[in-house]
Structure formats: C-alpha cells, structure tokens
Amino acid sequence: MKISDFWRNMEAEFGPRYSHVLADSMALTELGSLTPAEALNKGVKPKQIWEALCRAQDVPAERWLGVDIEPKDS
C-alpha cells in the first residue's frame, strides 16, 4: 500500500476532514501508542497503520481494502 492509498482509504472511510483529525490524534496501542501520522513519519508501512486503525475503529473487514478505483482511459 502506498501512502496515497492510505489517505484515499482514510478519506473514503472517515471523511476528508475527520480522517486527518483521526490521523493526528488517535493513539494506536498496536503501534506503541503512535498516532497514524506519527507512525507514517517514522516509516511504519501504511498498510500496517491502516489495518491497526481499522481494528481500533471496528471497521468491518470487507472495507479494509478500500474503495474500488476505476481504471483510467488510455
């Protein structure tokens, strides 16, 4: 997962505003109480952060892969 995919998933699941508040304020015990933003800055893999956040927020497993992205026309 790329960082851009992480943010796309965050915004799709939590909304464009709340996703950034959540990333800056929610301490994830699974990641040593780092916030998602801190974990990204420390080089933790975005997928690991996303999955920890999904577990902490009780996001249903079927939504962990994020929204489908339509392929671009060439």
PDB file of N, CA and C in Angstrom:
ATOM      1  N   MET A   1       0.856  -1.182   0.000  1.00  0.00           N
ATOM      2  CA  MET A   1       0.000   0.000   0.000  1.00  0.00           C
ATOM      3  C   MET A   1       0.893   1.233   0.000  1.00  0.00           C
ATOM      4  N   LYS A   2       0.577   2.158  -0.899  1.00  0.00           N
ATOM      5  CA  LYS A   2       1.295   3.429  -0.946  1.00  0.00           C
ATOM      6  C   LYS A   2       0.633   4.409   0.038  1.00  0.00           C
ATOM      7  N   ILE A   3       1.359   5.452   0.364  1.00  0.00           N
ATOM      8  CA  ILE A   3       0.815   6.469   1.272  1.00  0.00           C
ATOM      9  C   ILE A   3      -0.435   7.103   0.654  1.00  0.00           C
ATOM     10  N   SER A   4      -0.426   7.294  -0.652  1.00  0.00           N
ATOM     11  CA  SER A   4      -1.613   7.870  -1.313  1.00  0.00           C
ATOM     12  C   SER A   4      -2.823   6.948  -1.164  1.00  0.00           C
ATOM     13  N   ASP A   5      -2.603   5.634  -1.210  1.00  0.00           N
ATOM     14  CA  ASP A   5      -3.699   4.677  -0.998  1.00  0.00           C
ATOM     15  C   ASP A   5      -4.205   4.755   0.438  1.00  0.00           C
ATOM     16  N   PHE A   6      -3.272   4.906   1.376  1.00  0.00           N
ATOM     17  CA  PHE A   6      -3.645   5.048   2.785  1.00  0.00           C
ATOM     18  C   PHE A   6      -4.594   6.238   2.959  1.00  0.00           C
ATOM     19  N   TRP A   7      -4.213   7.388   2.401  1.00  0.00           N
ATOM     20  CA  TRP A   7      -5.045   8.586   2.565  1.00  0.00           C
ATOM     21  C   TRP A   7      -6.366   8.468   1.813  1.00  0.00           C
ATOM     22  N   ARG A   8      -6.352   7.816   0.657  1.00  0.00           N
ATOM     23  CA  ARG A   8      -7.608   7.604  -0.077  1.00  0.00           C
ATOM     24  C   ARG A   8      -8.553   6.742   0.762  1.00  0.00           C
ATOM     25  N   ASN A   9      -8.020   5.680   1.362  1.00  0.00           N
ATOM     26  CA  ASN A   9      -8.837   4.824   2.223  1.00  0.00           C
ATOM     27  C   ASN A   9      -9.334   5.588   3.443  1.00  0.00           C
ATOM     28  N   MET A  10      -8.459   6.370   4.051  1.00  0.00           N
ATOM     29  CA  MET A  10      -8.851   7.157   5.228  1.00  0.00           C
ATOM     30  C   MET A  10     -10.015   8.087   4.897  1.00  0.00           C
ATOM     31  N   GLU A  11      -9.875   8.825   3.802  1.00  0.00           N
ATOM     32  CA  GLU A  11     -10.906   9.794   3.442  1.00  0.00           C
ATOM     33  C   GLU A  11     -12.198   9.120   3.021  1.00  0.00           C
ATOM     34  N   ALA A  12     -12.112   7.981   2.362  1.00  0.00           N
ATOM     35  CA  ALA A  12     -13.321   7.257   1.960  1.00  0.00           C
ATOM     36  C   ALA A  12     -14.048   6.699   3.179  1.00  0.00           C
ATOM     37  N   GLU A  13     -13.297   6.221   4.159  1.00  0.00           N
ATOM     38  CA  GLU A  13     -13.911   5.589   5.335  1.00  0.00           C
ATOM     39  C   GLU A  13     -14.373   6.611   6.369  1.00  0.00           C
ATOM     40  N   PHE A  14     -13.573   7.640   6.612  1.00  0.00           N
ATOM     41  CA  PHE A  14     -13.851   8.566   7.725  1.00  0.00           C
ATOM     42  C   PHE A  14     -14.210   9.986   7.291  1.00  0.00           C
ATOM     43  N   GLY A  15     -14.145  10.265   6.006  1.00  0.00           N
ATOM     44  CA  GLY A  15     -14.446  11.603   5.515  1.00  0.00           C
ATOM     45  C   GLY A  15     -13.179  12.429   5.388  1.00  0.00           C
ATOM     46  N   PRO A  16     -13.200  13.429   4.508  1.00  0.00           N
ATOM     47  CA  PRO A  16     -11.989  14.198   4.241  1.00  0.00           C
ATOM     48  C   PRO A  16     -11.467  15.006   5.435  1.00  0.00           C
ATOM     49  N   ARG A  17     -12.334  15.457   6.291  1.00  0.00           N
ATOM     50  CA  ARG A  17     -11.879  16.252   7.447  1.00  0.00           C
ATOM     51  C   ARG A  17     -11.527  15.375   8.634  1.00  0.00           C
ATOM     52  N   TYR A  18     -12.451  14.482   9.001  1.00  0.00           N
ATOM     53  CA  TYR A  18     -12.238  13.672  10.203  1.00  0.00           C
ATOM     54  C   TYR A  18     -11.053  12.723  10.038  1.00  0.00           C
ATOM     55  N   SER A  19     -10.786  12.277   8.816  1.00  0.00           N
ATOM     56  CA  SER A  19      -9.663  11.361   8.612  1.00  0.00           C
ATOM     57  C   SER A  19      -8.351  11.990   9.058  1.00  0.00           C
ATOM     58  N   HIS A  20      -8.177  13.288   8.820  1.00  0.00           N
ATOM     59  CA  HIS A  20      -6.940  13.969   9.216  1.00  0.00           C
ATOM     60  C   HIS A  20      -6.900  14.220  10.724  1.00  0.00           C
ATOM     61  N   VAL A  21      -8.038  14.520  11.306  1.00  0.00           N
ATOM     62  CA  VAL A  21      -8.113  14.659  12.767  1.00  0.00           C
ATOM     63  C   VAL A  21      -7.766  13.331  13.421  1.00  0.00           C
ATOM     64  N   LEU A  22      -8.338  12.270  12.924  1.00  0.00           N
ATOM     65  CA  LEU A  22      -8.095  10.936  13.457  1.00  0.00           C
ATOM     66  C   LEU A  22      -6.616  10.561  13.314  1.00  0.00           C
ATOM     67  N   ALA A  23      -6.031  10.845  12.166  1.00  0.00           N
ATOM     68  CA  ALA A  23      -4.619  10.519  11.934  1.00  0.00           C
ATOM     69  C   ALA A  23      -3.687  11.276  12.873  1.00  0.00           C
ATOM     70  N   ASP A  24      -4.084  12.478  13.262  1.00  0.00           N
ATOM     71  CA  ASP A  24      -3.242  13.300  14.143  1.00  0.00           C
ATOM     72  C   ASP A  24      -3.492  13.067  15.622  1.00  0.00           C
ATOM     73  N   SER A  25      -4.603  12.412  15.972  1.00  0.00           N
ATOM     74  CA  SER A  25      -4.949  12.359  17.393  1.00  0.00           C
ATOM     75  C   SER A  25      -5.155  10.970  17.980  1.00  0.00           C
ATOM     76  N   MET A  26      -5.422   9.954  17.171  1.00  0.00           N
ATOM     77  CA  MET A  26      -5.723   8.640  17.734  1.00  0.00           C
ATOM     78  C   MET A  26      -4.449   7.850  17.995  1.00  0.00           C
ATOM     79  N   ALA A  27      -4.183   7.552  19.257  1.00  0.00           N
ATOM     80  CA  ALA A  27      -3.026   6.739  19.614  1.00  0.00           C
ATOM     81  C   ALA A  27      -3.376   5.269  19.419  1.00  0.00           C
ATOM     82  N   LEU A  28      -2.592   4.585  18.610  1.00  0.00           N
ATOM     83  CA  LEU A  28      -2.831   3.178  18.307  1.00  0.00           C
ATOM     84  C   LEU A  28      -1.938   2.315  19.201  1.00  0.00           C
ATOM     85  N   THR A  29      -2.535   1.650  20.166  1.00  0.00           N
ATOM     86  CA  THR A  29      -1.749   0.820  21.092  1.00  0.00           C
ATOM     87  C   THR A  29      -0.979  -0.257  20.346  1.00  0.00           C
ATOM     88  N   GLU A  30      -1.549  -0.742  19.276  1.00  0.00           N
ATOM     89  CA  GLU A  30      -0.902  -1.770  18.472  1.00  0.00           C
ATOM     90  C   GLU A  30       0.427  -1.286  17.875  1.00  0.00           C
ATOM     91  N   LEU A  31       0.563   0.025  17.749  1.00  0.00           N
ATOM     92  CA  LEU A  31       1.780   0.614  17.187  1.00  0.00           C
ATOM     93  C   LEU A  31       2.544   1.413  18.243  1.00  0.00           C
ATOM     94  N   GLY A  32       2.491   0.948  19.480  1.00  0.00           N
ATOM     95  CA  GLY A  32       3.234   1.618  20.548  1.00  0.00           C
ATOM     96  C   GLY A  32       2.694   2.981  20.910  1.00  0.00           C
ATOM     97  N   SER A  33       1.393   3.154  20.770  1.00  0.00           N
ATOM     98  CA  SER A  33       0.686   4.400  21.071  1.00  0.00           C
ATOM     99  C   SER A  33       1.032   5.557  20.138  1.00  0.00           C
ATOM    100  N   LEU A  34       1.596   5.251  18.984  1.00  0.00           N
ATOM    101  CA  LEU A  34       1.814   6.290  17.978  1.00  0.00           C
ATOM    102  C   LEU A  34       0.485   6.621  17.311  1.00  0.00           C
ATOM    103  N   THR A  35       0.329   7.856  16.888  1.00  0.00           N
ATOM    104  CA  THR A  35      -0.809   8.201  16.046  1.00  0.00           C
ATOM    105  C   THR A  35      -0.484   7.714  14.627  1.00  0.00           C
ATOM    106  N   PRO A  36      -1.479   7.576  13.772  1.00  0.00           N
ATOM    107  CA  PRO A  36      -1.172   7.195  12.389  1.00  0.00           C
ATOM    108  C   PRO A  36      -0.184   8.161  11.720  1.00  0.00           C
ATOM    109  N   ALA A  37      -0.333   9.448  11.947  1.00  0.00           N
ATOM    110  CA  ALA A  37       0.586  10.428  11.349  1.00  0.00           C
ATOM    111  C   ALA A  37       2.015  10.232  11.863  1.00  0.00           C
ATOM    112  N   GLU A  38       2.167   9.999  13.151  1.00  0.00           N
ATOM    113  CA  GLU A  38       3.492   9.754  13.719  1.00  0.00           C
ATOM    114  C   GLU A  38       4.095   8.474  13.150  1.00  0.00           C
ATOM    115  N   ALA A  39       3.263   7.440  13.038  1.00  0.00           N
ATOM    116  CA  ALA A  39       3.740   6.171  12.503  1.00  0.00           C
ATOM    117  C   ALA A  39       4.205   6.328  11.056  1.00  0.00           C
ATOM    118  N   LEU A  40       3.453   7.076  10.251  1.00  0.00           N
ATOM    119  CA  LEU A  40       3.884   7.331   8.873  1.00  0.00           C
ATOM    120  C   LEU A  40       5.230   8.039   8.857  1.00  0.00           C
ATOM    121  N   ASN A  41       5.386   9.043   9.709  1.00  0.00           N
ATOM    122  CA  ASN A  41       6.639   9.802   9.770  1.00  0.00           C
ATOM    123  C   ASN A  41       7.812   8.955  10.231  1.00  0.00           C
ATOM    124  N   LYS A  42       7.553   7.923  11.011  1.00  0.00           N
ATOM    125  CA  LYS A  42       8.615   7.029  11.497  1.00  0.00           C
ATOM    126  C   LYS A  42       8.901   5.891  10.529  1.00  0.00           C
ATOM    127  N   GLY A  43       8.172   5.840   9.419  1.00  0.00           N
ATOM    128  CA  GLY A  43       8.448   4.841   8.402  1.00  0.00           C
ATOM    129  C   GLY A  43       7.696   3.528   8.550  1.00  0.00           C
ATOM    130  N   VAL A  44       6.679   3.495   9.417  1.00  0.00           N
ATOM    131  CA  VAL A  44       5.849   2.299   9.527  1.00  0.00           C
ATOM    132  C   VAL A  44       5.073   2.157   8.214  1.00  0.00           C
ATOM    133  N   LYS A  45       4.939   0.939   7.754  1.00  0.00           N
ATOM    134  CA  LYS A  45       4.259   0.705   6.478  1.00  0.00           C
ATOM    135  C   LYS A  45       2.806   1.158   6.553  1.00  0.00           C
ATOM    136  N   PRO A  46       2.360   1.901   5.534  1.00  0.00           N
ATOM    137  CA  PRO A  46       0.977   2.398   5.527  1.00  0.00           C
ATOM    138  C   PRO A  46      -0.062   1.293   5.716  1.00  0.00           C
ATOM    139  N   LYS A  47       0.157   0.121   5.127  1.00  0.00           N
ATOM    140  CA  LYS A  47      -0.799  -0.973   5.277  1.00  0.00           C
ATOM    141  C   LYS A  47      -0.906  -1.409   6.734  1.00  0.00           C
ATOM    142  N   GLN A  48       0.222  -1.476   7.429  1.00  0.00           N
ATOM    143  CA  GLN A  48       0.224  -1.851   8.841  1.00  0.00           C
ATOM    144  C   GLN A  48      -0.560  -0.829   9.672  1.00  0.00           C
ATOM    145  N   ILE A  49      -0.367   0.438   9.362  1.00  0.00           N
ATOM    146  CA  ILE A  49      -1.086   1.508  10.072  1.00  0.00           C
ATOM    147  C   ILE A  49      -2.577   1.420   9.770  1.00  0.00           C
ATOM    148  N   TRP A  50      -2.918   1.266   8.489  1.00  0.00           N
ATOM    149  CA  TRP A  50      -4.318   1.198   8.077  1.00  0.00           C
ATOM    150  C   TRP A  50      -5.031   0.046   8.780  1.00  0.00           C
ATOM    151  N   GLU A  51      -4.404  -1.126   8.799  1.00  0.00           N
ATOM    152  CA  GLU A  51      -5.040  -2.289   9.424  1.00  0.00           C
ATOM    153  C   GLU A  51      -5.177  -2.116  10.934  1.00  0.00           C
ATOM    154  N   ALA A  52      -4.182  -1.515  11.582  1.00  0.00           N
ATOM    155  CA  ALA A  52      -4.275  -1.246  13.021  1.00  0.00           C
ATOM    156  C   ALA A  52      -5.411  -0.268  13.300  1.00  0.00           C
ATOM    157  N   LEU A  53      -5.534   0.738  12.466  1.00  0.00           N
ATOM    158  CA  LEU A  53      -6.600   1.728  12.622  1.00  0.00           C
ATOM    159  C   LEU A  53      -7.972   1.085  12.387  1.00  0.00           C
ATOM    160  N   CYS A  54      -8.064   0.240  11.385  1.00  0.00           N
ATOM    161  CA  CYS A  54      -9.328  -0.465  11.113  1.00  0.00           C
ATOM    162  C   CYS A  54      -9.748  -1.313  12.311  1.00  0.00           C
ATOM    163  N   ARG A  55      -8.795  -2.023  12.904  1.00  0.00           N
ATOM    164  CA  ARG A  55      -9.123  -2.843  14.079  1.00  0.00           C
ATOM    165  C   ARG A  55      -9.567  -1.953  15.236  1.00  0.00           C
ATOM    166  N   ALA A  56      -8.844  -0.867  15.458  1.00  0.00           N
ATOM    167  CA  ALA A  56      -9.154   0.023  16.584  1.00  0.00           C
ATOM    168  C   ALA A  56     -10.511   0.708  16.418  1.00  0.00           C
ATOM    169  N   GLN A  57     -10.911   0.972  15.184  1.00  0.00           N
ATOM    170  CA  GLN A  57     -12.169   1.675  14.912  1.00  0.00           C
ATOM    171  C   GLN A  57     -13.305   0.719  14.542  1.00  0.00           C
ATOM    172  N   ASP A  58     -13.058  -0.580  14.636  1.00  0.00           N
ATOM    173  CA  ASP A  58     -14.065  -1.592  14.302  1.00  0.00           C
ATOM    174  C   ASP A  58     -14.618  -1.444  12.888  1.00  0.00           C
ATOM    175  N   VAL A  59     -13.723  -1.125  11.951  1.00  0.00           N
ATOM    176  CA  VAL A  59     -14.126  -1.075  10.547  1.00  0.00           C
ATOM    177  C   VAL A  59     -14.330  -2.517  10.090  1.00  0.00           C
ATOM    178  N   PRO A  60     -15.459  -2.835   9.482  1.00  0.00           N
ATOM    179  CA  PRO A  60     -15.696  -4.206   9.011  1.00  0.00           C
ATOM    180  C   PRO A  60     -14.608  -4.646   8.028  1.00  0.00           C
ATOM    181  N   ALA A  61     -14.179  -5.888   8.154  1.00  0.00           N
ATOM    182  CA  ALA A  61     -13.084  -6.418   7.337  1.00  0.00           C
ATOM    183  C   ALA A  61     -13.337  -6.260   5.841  1.00  0.00           C
ATOM    184  N   GLU A  62     -14.579  -6.314   5.421  1.00  0.00           N
ATOM    185  CA  GLU A  62     -14.865  -6.186   3.989  1.00  0.00           C
ATOM    186  C   GLU A  62     -14.557  -4.790   3.453  1.00  0.00           C
ATOM    187  N   ARG A  63     -14.327  -3.813   4.324  1.00  0.00           N
ATOM    188  CA  ARG A  63     -13.988  -2.456   3.875  1.00  0.00           C
ATOM    189  C   ARG A  63     -12.505  -2.144   4.025  1.00  0.00           C
ATOM    190  N   TRP A  64     -11.720  -3.092   4.491  1.00  0.00           N
ATOM    191  CA  TRP A  64     -10.292  -2.840   4.693  1.00  0.00           C
ATOM    192  C   TRP A  64      -9.527  -2.603   3.397  1.00  0.00           C
ATOM    193  N   LEU A  65     -10.020  -3.111   2.296  1.00  0.00           N
ATOM    194  CA  LEU A  65      -9.317  -2.926   1.026  1.00  0.00           C
ATOM    195  C   LEU A  65      -9.604  -1.567   0.409  1.00  0.00           C
ATOM    196  N   GLY A  66     -10.531  -0.834   0.969  1.00  0.00           N
ATOM    197  CA  GLY A  66     -10.842   0.499   0.463  1.00  0.00           C
ATOM    198  C   GLY A  66     -11.790   0.450  -0.716  1.00  0.00           C
ATOM    199  N   VAL A  67     -12.006   1.600  -1.293  1.00  0.00           N
ATOM    200  CA  VAL A  67     -12.951   1.718  -2.397  1.00  0.00           C
ATOM    201  C   VAL A  67     -12.297   1.262  -3.684  1.00  0.00           C
ATOM    202  N   ASP A  68     -13.112   0.741  -4.578  1.00  0.00           N
ATOM    203  CA  ASP A  68     -12.605   0.356  -5.893  1.00  0.00           C
ATOM    204  C   ASP A  68     -12.267   1.611  -6.693  1.00  0.00           C
ATOM    205  N   ILE A  69     -11.177   1.533  -7.410  1.00  0.00           N
ATOM    206  CA  ILE A  69     -10.741   2.653  -8.235  1.00  0.00           C
ATOM    207  C   ILE A  69     -10.972   2.270  -9.685  1.00  0.00           C
ATOM    208  N   GLU A  70     -11.677   3.139 -10.388  1.00  0.00           N
ATOM    209  CA  GLU A  70     -11.930   2.894 -11.810  1.00  0.00           C
ATOM    210  C   GLU A  70     -10.645   3.098 -12.583  1.00  0.00           C
ATOM    211  N   PRO A  71     -10.323   2.185 -13.503  1.00  0.00           N
ATOM    212  CA  PRO A  71      -9.118   2.386 -14.325  1.00  0.00           C
ATOM    213  C   PRO A  71      -9.268   3.607 -15.219  1.00  0.00           C
ATOM    214  N   LYS A  72      -8.149   4.269 -15.458  1.00  0.00           N
ATOM    215  CA  LYS A  72      -8.155   5.446 -16.319  1.00  0.00           C
ATOM    216  C   LYS A  72      -8.191   5.008 -17.781  1.00  0.00           C
ATOM    217  N   ASP A  73      -8.902   5.787 -18.593  1.00  0.00           N
ATOM    218  CA  ASP A  73      -8.894   5.535 -20.031  1.00  0.00           C
ATOM    219  C   ASP A  73      -7.548   5.938 -20.586  1.00  0.00           C
ATOM    220  N   SER A  74      -7.037   5.132 -21.513  1.00  0.00           N
ATOM    221  CA  SER A  74      -5.724   5.475 -22.082  1.00  0.00           C
ATOM    222  C   SER A  74      -5.822   6.187 -23.379  1.00  0.00           C
TER     223      SER A  74
END
